[in-house]
C-alpha atoms as a PDB file:
ATOM      1  CA  MET A   1       0.030   0.035   0.045  1.00  0.00           C
ATOM      2  CA  SER A   2       1.354   3.240  -0.987  1.00  0.00           C
ATOM      3  CA  ARG A   3       2.187   6.133   1.577  1.00  0.00           C
ATOM      4  CA  ARG A   4      -0.527   8.213  -0.005  1.00  0.00           C
ATOM      5  CA  THR A   5      -3.400   5.491   0.448  1.00  0.00           C
ATOM      6  CA  HIS A   6      -2.174   4.824   3.970  1.00  0.00           C
ATOM      7  CA  VAL A   7      -2.477   8.496   4.706  1.00  0.00           C
ATOM      8  CA  GLU A   8      -5.906   8.768   3.159  1.00  0.00           C
ATOM      9  CA  LYS A   9      -7.063   5.575   5.304  1.00  0.00           C
ATOM     10  CA  LEU A  10      -5.890   7.475   8.581  1.00  0.00           C
ATOM     11  CA  LYS A  11      -8.035  10.314   7.479  1.00  0.00           C
ATOM     12  CA  ASN A  12     -10.954   8.373   7.360  1.00  0.00           C
ATOM     13  CA  GLU A  13     -12.507   8.929  10.681  1.00  0.00           C
ATOM     14  CA  LYS A  14     -16.196   8.442   9.578  1.00  0.00           C
ATOM     15  CA  TRP A  15     -15.620   4.624   9.478  1.00  0.00           C
ATOM     16  CA  ASP A  16     -17.550   4.476   6.449  1.00  0.00           C
ATOM     17  CA  SER A  17     -16.991   1.902   3.552  1.00  0.00           C
ATOM     18  CA  GLU A  18     -16.490   4.707   0.861  1.00  0.00           C
ATOM     19  CA  THR A  19     -12.773   4.872   0.998  1.00  0.00           C
ATOM     20  CA  GLU A  20     -12.383   1.028   1.271  1.00  0.00           C
ATOM     21  CA  ILE A  21     -14.525   0.634  -1.860  1.00  0.00           C
ATOM     22  CA  LYS A  22     -12.457   3.360  -3.729  1.00  0.00           C
ATOM     23  CA  THR A  23      -9.337   1.997  -2.761  1.00  0.00           C
ATOM     24  CA  ARG A  24     -10.419  -1.707  -3.612  1.00  0.00           C
ATOM     25  CA  ILE A  25     -11.421  -0.436  -7.180  1.00  0.00           C
ATOM     26  CA  GLU A  26      -8.075   1.183  -7.769  1.00  0.00           C
ATOM     27  CA  VAL A  27      -6.224  -1.800  -6.669  1.00  0.00           C
ATOM     28  CA  ALA A  28      -8.459  -4.062  -8.912  1.00  0.00           C
ATOM     29  CA  ARG A  29      -7.855  -1.721 -11.796  1.00  0.00           C
ATOM     30  CA  SER A  30      -4.012  -1.823 -11.253  1.00  0.00           C
ATOM     31  CA  ALA A  31      -4.347  -5.750 -11.298  1.00  0.00           C
ATOM     32  CA  PHE A  32      -6.320  -5.474 -14.476  1.00  0.00           C
ATOM     33  CA  GLN A  33      -3.692  -3.413 -16.021  1.00  0.00           C
ATOM     34  CA  SER A  34      -0.793  -5.813 -15.001  1.00  0.00           C
ATOM     35  CA  MET A  35      -2.770  -8.537 -16.810  1.00  0.00           C
ATOM     36  CA  LYS A  36      -3.743  -6.325 -19.670  1.00  0.00           C
ATOM     37  CA  LYS A  37      -1.986  -8.434 -22.353  1.00  0.00           C
ATOM     38  CA  VAL A  38      -3.837 -11.542 -21.491  1.00  0.00           C
ATOM     39  CA  LEU A  39      -7.074  -9.919 -20.754  1.00  0.00           C
ATOM     40  CA  THR A  40      -7.324  -7.978 -23.924  1.00  0.00           C
ATOM     41  CA  SER A  41      -5.716 -10.801 -26.224  1.00  0.00           C
ATOM     42  CA  ARG A  42      -7.970 -11.463 -29.326  1.00  0.00           C
ATOM     43  CA  ARG A  43      -6.095 -14.919 -29.506  1.00  0.00           C
ATOM     44  CA  LEU A  44      -8.199 -15.905 -26.436  1.00  0.00           C
ATOM     45  CA  ASN A  45     -11.721 -16.425 -26.720  1.00  0.00           C
ATOM     46  CA  ILE A  46     -13.913 -14.045 -24.634  1.00  0.00           C
ATOM     47  CA  ALA A  47     -15.300 -16.785 -22.291  1.00  0.00           C
ATOM     48  CA  LEU A  48     -11.764 -17.554 -21.147  1.00  0.00           C
ATOM     49  CA  ARG A  49     -10.752 -13.928 -20.769  1.00  0.00           C
ATOM     50  CA  LYS A  50     -13.925 -13.359 -18.556  1.00  0.00           C
ATOM     51  CA  ARG A  51     -13.139 -16.464 -16.435  1.00  0.00           C
ATOM     52  CA  LEU A  52      -9.639 -14.960 -15.921  1.00  0.00           C
ATOM     53  CA  LEU A  53     -11.101 -11.664 -14.882  1.00  0.00           C
ATOM     54  CA  HIS A  54     -13.392 -13.256 -12.521  1.00  0.00           C
ATOM     55  CA  CYS A  55     -10.646 -15.477 -11.167  1.00  0.00           C
ATOM     56  CA  TYR A  56      -7.849 -12.918 -10.754  1.00  0.00           C
ATOM     57  CA  VAL A  57      -9.375  -9.424 -10.530  1.00  0.00           C
ATOM     58  CA  TRP A  58     -12.748  -9.777  -8.939  1.00  0.00           C
ATOM     59  CA  PRO A  59     -11.305 -11.281  -5.792  1.00  0.00           C
ATOM     60  CA  ILE A  60      -8.996  -8.354  -5.296  1.00  0.00           C
ATOM     61  CA  LEU A  61     -11.944  -6.106  -5.771  1.00  0.00           C
ATOM     62  CA  LEU A  62     -14.264  -8.046  -3.413  1.00  0.00           C
ATOM     63  CA  TYR A  63     -11.927  -8.806  -0.522  1.00  0.00           C
ATOM     64  CA  GLY A  64     -13.788  -7.767   2.502  1.00  0.00           C
ATOM     65  CA  CYS A  65     -16.896  -6.897   0.628  1.00  0.00           C
ATOM     66  CA  GLU A  66     -19.086  -8.564   3.419  1.00  0.00           C
ATOM     67  CA  SER A  67     -18.345  -5.786   5.730  1.00  0.00           C
ATOM     68  CA  TRP A  68     -19.183  -2.841   3.470  1.00  0.00           C
ATOM     69  CA  THR A  69     -22.138  -0.660   3.733  1.00  0.00           C
ATOM     70  CA  ILE A  70     -23.133   0.320   0.359  1.00  0.00           C
ATOM     71  CA  LYS A  71     -24.953   3.195  -0.755  1.00  0.00           C
ATOM     72  CA  GLU A  72     -26.392   4.023  -4.133  1.00  0.00           C
ATOM     73  CA  ASP A  73     -23.367   6.038  -5.448  1.00  0.00           C
ATOM     74  CA  LEU A  74     -21.026   3.181  -4.185  1.00  0.00           C
ATOM     75  CA  ARG A  75     -23.074   0.601  -6.143  1.00  0.00           C
ATOM     76  CA  LYS A  76     -22.872   2.509  -9.211  1.00  0.00           C
ATOM     77  CA  ARG A  77     -19.119   2.790  -8.848  1.00  0.00           C
ATOM     78  CA  LEU A  78     -18.728  -0.871  -8.751  1.00  0.00           C
ATOM     79  CA  GLU A  79     -21.023  -1.375 -11.627  1.00  0.00           C
ATOM     80  CA  ALA A  80     -19.095   1.192 -13.553  1.00  0.00           C
ATOM     81  CA  PHE A  81     -15.750  -0.696 -12.825  1.00  0.00           C
ATOM     82  CA  GLU A  82     -17.303  -3.884 -14.100  1.00  0.00           C
ATOM     83  CA  MET A  83     -18.317  -2.260 -17.328  1.00  0.00           C
ATOM     84  CA  TRP A  84     -14.773  -0.558 -17.486  1.00  0.00           C
ATOM     85  CA  ALA A  85     -13.270  -3.957 -17.196  1.00  0.00           C
ATOM     86  CA  TYR A  86     -15.546  -5.472 -20.090  1.00  0.00           C
ATOM     87  CA  ARG A  87     -14.894  -2.581 -22.354  1.00  0.00           C
ATOM     88  CA  ARG A  88     -11.229  -2.818 -21.788  1.00  0.00           C
ATOM     89  CA  MET A  89     -11.361  -6.594 -22.507  1.00  0.00           C
ATOM     90  CA  LEU A  90     -13.190  -5.771 -25.809  1.00  0.00           C
ATOM     91  CA  LYS A  91     -10.881  -2.992 -26.509  1.00  0.00           C
ATOM     92  CA  ILE A  92     -13.903  -0.522 -26.993  1.00  0.00           C
ATOM     93  CA  SER A  93     -12.935   3.339 -26.591  1.00  0.00           C
ATOM     94  CA  TRP A  94     -15.136   5.590 -24.657  1.00  0.00           C
ATOM     95  CA  THR A  95     -15.614   7.606 -27.907  1.00  0.00           C
ATOM     96  CA  GLN A  96     -17.205   4.695 -29.713  1.00  0.00           C
ATOM     97  CA  LYS A  97     -20.642   5.235 -28.173  1.00  0.00           C
ATOM     98  CA  VAL A  98     -21.249   1.648 -27.614  1.00  0.00           C
ATOM     99  CA  THR A  99     -24.151   1.105 -24.958  1.00  0.00           C
ATOM    100  CA  ASN A 100     -23.589  -1.031 -21.780  1.00  0.00           C
ATOM    101  CA  GLU A 101     -26.230  -3.458 -23.002  1.00  0.00           C
ATOM    102  CA  GLU A 102     -24.169  -4.132 -26.263  1.00  0.00           C
ATOM    103  CA  VAL A 103     -20.960  -4.669 -24.227  1.00  0.00           C
ATOM    104  CA  LEU A 104     -22.834  -7.104 -21.990  1.00  0.00           C
ATOM    105  CA  ARG A 105     -24.066  -8.848 -25.177  1.00  0.00           C
ATOM    106  CA  ARG A 106     -20.691  -9.044 -26.799  1.00  0.00           C
ATOM    107  CA  VAL A 107     -19.254 -10.532 -23.508  1.00  0.00           C
ATOM    108  CA  GLY A 108     -22.229 -12.891 -23.313  1.00  0.00           C
ATOM    109  CA  CYS A 109     -23.165 -12.252 -19.620  1.00  0.00           C
ATOM    110  CA  GLN A 110     -25.212 -10.105 -17.332  1.00  0.00           C
ATOM    111  CA  ARG A 111     -24.014  -7.817 -14.639  1.00  0.00           C
ATOM    112  CA  GLU A 112     -22.694 -10.129 -12.111  1.00  0.00           C
ATOM    113  CA  LEU A 113     -20.399  -8.084  -9.731  1.00  0.00           C
ATOM    114  CA  TRP A 114     -23.223  -6.368  -7.874  1.00  0.00           C
ATOM    115  CA  LYS A 115     -25.093  -9.776  -7.308  1.00  0.00           C
ATOM    116  CA  THR A 116     -21.908 -11.286  -5.960  1.00  0.00           C
ATOM    117  CA  VAL A 117     -21.460  -8.508  -3.382  1.00  0.00           C
ATOM    118  CA  LYS A 118     -25.166  -9.002  -2.314  1.00  0.00           C
ATOM    119  CA  LYS A 119     -24.860 -12.727  -2.016  1.00  0.00           C
ATOM    120  CA  LYS A 120     -21.632 -12.510  -0.087  1.00  0.00           C
ATOM    121  CA  LYS A 121     -23.136 -10.052   2.439  1.00  0.00           C
ATOM    122  CA  VAL A 122     -26.282 -11.964   3.009  1.00  0.00           C
ATOM    123  CA  ALA A 123     -24.400 -15.210   3.308  1.00  0.00           C
ATOM    124  CA  TYR A 124     -22.108 -13.604   5.794  1.00  0.00           C
ATOM    125  CA  LEU A 125     -24.982 -12.563   7.993  1.00  0.00           C
ATOM    126  CA  GLY A 126     -26.356 -16.079   8.095  1.00  0.00           C
ATOM    127  CA  HIS A 127     -22.961 -17.619   8.931  1.00  0.00           C
ATOM    128  CA  VAL A 128     -22.375 -15.139  11.865  1.00  0.00           C
ATOM    129  CA  LEU A 129     -25.858 -15.724  13.333  1.00  0.00           C
ATOM    130  CA  ARG A 130     -25.467 -19.432  13.083  1.00  0.00           C
ATOM    131  CA  HIS A 131     -22.225 -19.930  14.985  1.00  0.00           C
ATOM    132  CA  ASP A 132     -21.983 -19.135  18.635  1.00  0.00           C
ATOM    133  CA  ARG A 133     -18.338 -18.092  18.492  1.00  0.00           C
ATOM    134  CA  TYR A 134     -19.456 -14.858  17.004  1.00  0.00           C
ATOM    135  CA  ARG A 135     -21.506 -13.916  20.082  1.00  0.00           C
ATOM    136  CA  LEU A 136     -20.082 -10.363  20.271  1.00  0.00           C
ATOM    137  CA  LEU A 137     -20.639  -9.637  16.593  1.00  0.00           C
ATOM    138  CA  GLN A 138     -24.195 -11.140  17.020  1.00  0.00           C
ATOM    139  CA  LEU A 139     -24.912  -8.539  19.645  1.00  0.00           C
ATOM    140  CA  ILE A 140     -23.545  -5.676  17.617  1.00  0.00           C
ATOM    141  CA  MET A 141     -25.750  -6.838  14.605  1.00  0.00           C
ATOM    142  CA  MET A 142     -28.805  -7.046  16.796  1.00  0.00           C
ATOM    143  CA  GLY A 143     -28.103  -3.534  18.131  1.00  0.00           C
ATOM    144  CA  LYS A 144     -27.926  -4.553  21.668  1.00  0.00           C
ATOM    145  CA  VAL A 145     -24.779  -2.378  22.372  1.00  0.00           C
ATOM    146  CA  ALA A 146     -25.238   0.221  25.036  1.00  0.00           C
ATOM    147  CA  GLY A 147     -24.794   3.735  24.053  1.00  0.00           C
ATOM    148  CA  LYS A 148     -26.661   6.676  22.265  1.00  0.00           C
ATOM    149  CA  ARG A 149     -26.963   7.406  18.692  1.00  0.00           C
ATOM    150  CA  ARG A 150     -25.692  10.860  17.269  1.00  0.00           C
ATOM    151  CA  ILE A 151     -28.217  13.361  16.434  1.00  0.00           C
ATOM    152  CA  GLY A 152     -29.444  13.812  12.838  1.00  0.00           C
ATOM    153  CA  ARG A 153     -30.548  11.495  10.309  1.00  0.00           C
ATOM    154  CA  LYS A 154     -29.687   7.745  10.558  1.00  0.00           C
ATOM    155  CA  ARG A 155     -27.033   6.722   8.229  1.00  0.00           C
ATOM    156  CA  LYS A 156     -27.538   3.749   5.924  1.00  0.00           C
ATOM    157  CA  SER A 157     -26.659   0.659   7.880  1.00  0.00           C
ATOM    158  CA  TRP A 158     -24.965  -2.523   7.035  1.00  0.00           C
ATOM    159  CA  LEU A 159     -28.081  -4.455   8.229  1.00  0.00           C
ATOM    160  CA  ARG A 160     -30.478  -2.222   6.318  1.00  0.00           C
ATOM    161  CA  ASN A 161     -28.713  -3.125   3.089  1.00  0.00           C
ATOM    162  CA  ILE A 162     -29.485  -6.600   3.709  1.00  0.00           C
ATOM    163  CA  ARG A 163     -33.128  -6.055   4.799  1.00  0.00           C
ATOM    164  CA  GLU A 164     -33.648  -4.115   1.475  1.00  0.00           C
ATOM    165  CA  TRP A 165     -32.290  -6.735  -0.624  1.00  0.00           C
ATOM    166  CA  THR A 166     -34.143  -9.598   0.915  1.00  0.00           C
ATOM    167  CA  GLY A 167     -37.445  -7.703   1.261  1.00  0.00           C
ATOM    168  CA  ILE A 168     -37.553  -8.688   4.940  1.00  0.00           C
ATOM    169  CA  ALA A 169     -38.559  -5.641   6.731  1.00  0.00           C
ATOM    170  CA  SER A 170     -37.941  -6.830  10.289  1.00  0.00           C
ATOM    171  CA  ALA A 171     -34.503  -7.402  11.598  1.00  0.00           C
ATOM    172  CA  ALA A 172     -35.978  -9.963  13.999  1.00  0.00           C
ATOM    173  CA  GLN A 173     -37.557 -12.046  11.221  1.00  0.00           C
ATOM    174  CA  LEU A 174     -34.315 -11.918   9.215  1.00  0.00           C
ATOM    175  CA  PHE A 175     -32.290 -13.090  12.202  1.00  0.00           C
ATOM    176  CA  SER A 176     -34.657 -16.087  12.907  1.00  0.00           C
ATOM    177  CA  LEU A 177     -34.621 -16.937   9.152  1.00  0.00           C
ATOM    178  CA  ALA A 178     -30.741 -16.767   9.132  1.00  0.00           C
ATOM    179  CA  ARG A 179     -30.609 -19.320  11.749  1.00  0.00           C
ATOM    180  CA  GLU A 180     -32.446 -21.920   9.359  1.00  0.00           C
ATOM    181  CA  LYS A 181     -29.738 -22.695   6.997  1.00  0.00           C
ATOM    182  CA  GLU A 182     -31.597 -24.335   4.215  1.00  0.00           C
ATOM    183  CA  LYS A 183     -34.296 -21.513   3.963  1.00  0.00           C
ATOM    184  CA  TYR A 184     -31.713 -18.855   4.279  1.00  0.00           C
ATOM    185  CA  GLN A 185     -29.465 -20.416   1.608  1.00  0.00           C
ATOM    186  CA  LYS A 186     -32.573 -20.408  -0.788  1.00  0.00           C
ATOM    187  CA  LEU A 187     -33.167 -16.743   0.002  1.00  0.00           C
ATOM    188  CA  THR A 188     -29.502 -15.889  -0.766  1.00  0.00           C
ATOM    189  CA  ALA A 189     -29.714 -17.995  -4.036  1.00  0.00           C
ATOM    190  CA  ASN A 190     -32.707 -16.029  -5.233  1.00  0.00           C
ATOM    191  CA  LEU A 191     -31.242 -12.597  -4.777  1.00  0.00           C
ATOM    192  CA  HIS A 192     -31.627 -10.403  -7.965  1.00  0.00           C
END
């Protein structure tokens, strides 16, 4: 990690996910650039290049994504990075005016990165709630930690992300469902 990134991390006193996500995107972009010859080679078919992207670049980007609280602008950044990678793989310049739908058609896939982030976060909640060794983390997630909240509007919370994605309004319902492994796995698999 460069000195500049380290200083930026220290300045992040808000403890939000924005700086972490931006850093992860840049590190993944750098990994893509280091593999550019392979990922943009027309000698390899697009399916193989896409698998290489998913194998070597996505894990760098998604490291620790289970802990991110994601707002709309951060979701758009992640999706923009995904499209950036596909456009570079196809050697499409930004001046060519090719739509995202056309890029996805040429690659032969749908947007996958955002779905992966959602599934990882939801699966992580189920994992934590089913195992007693995470007792402190369970208390934090359930909001049973003593203290007062700051004045002002509530910030988007990690748990609220999951409640919105699953469509379960009550945290208590979500927690009880997460303890039933088979039902929860079905819920995770059916996320859009």
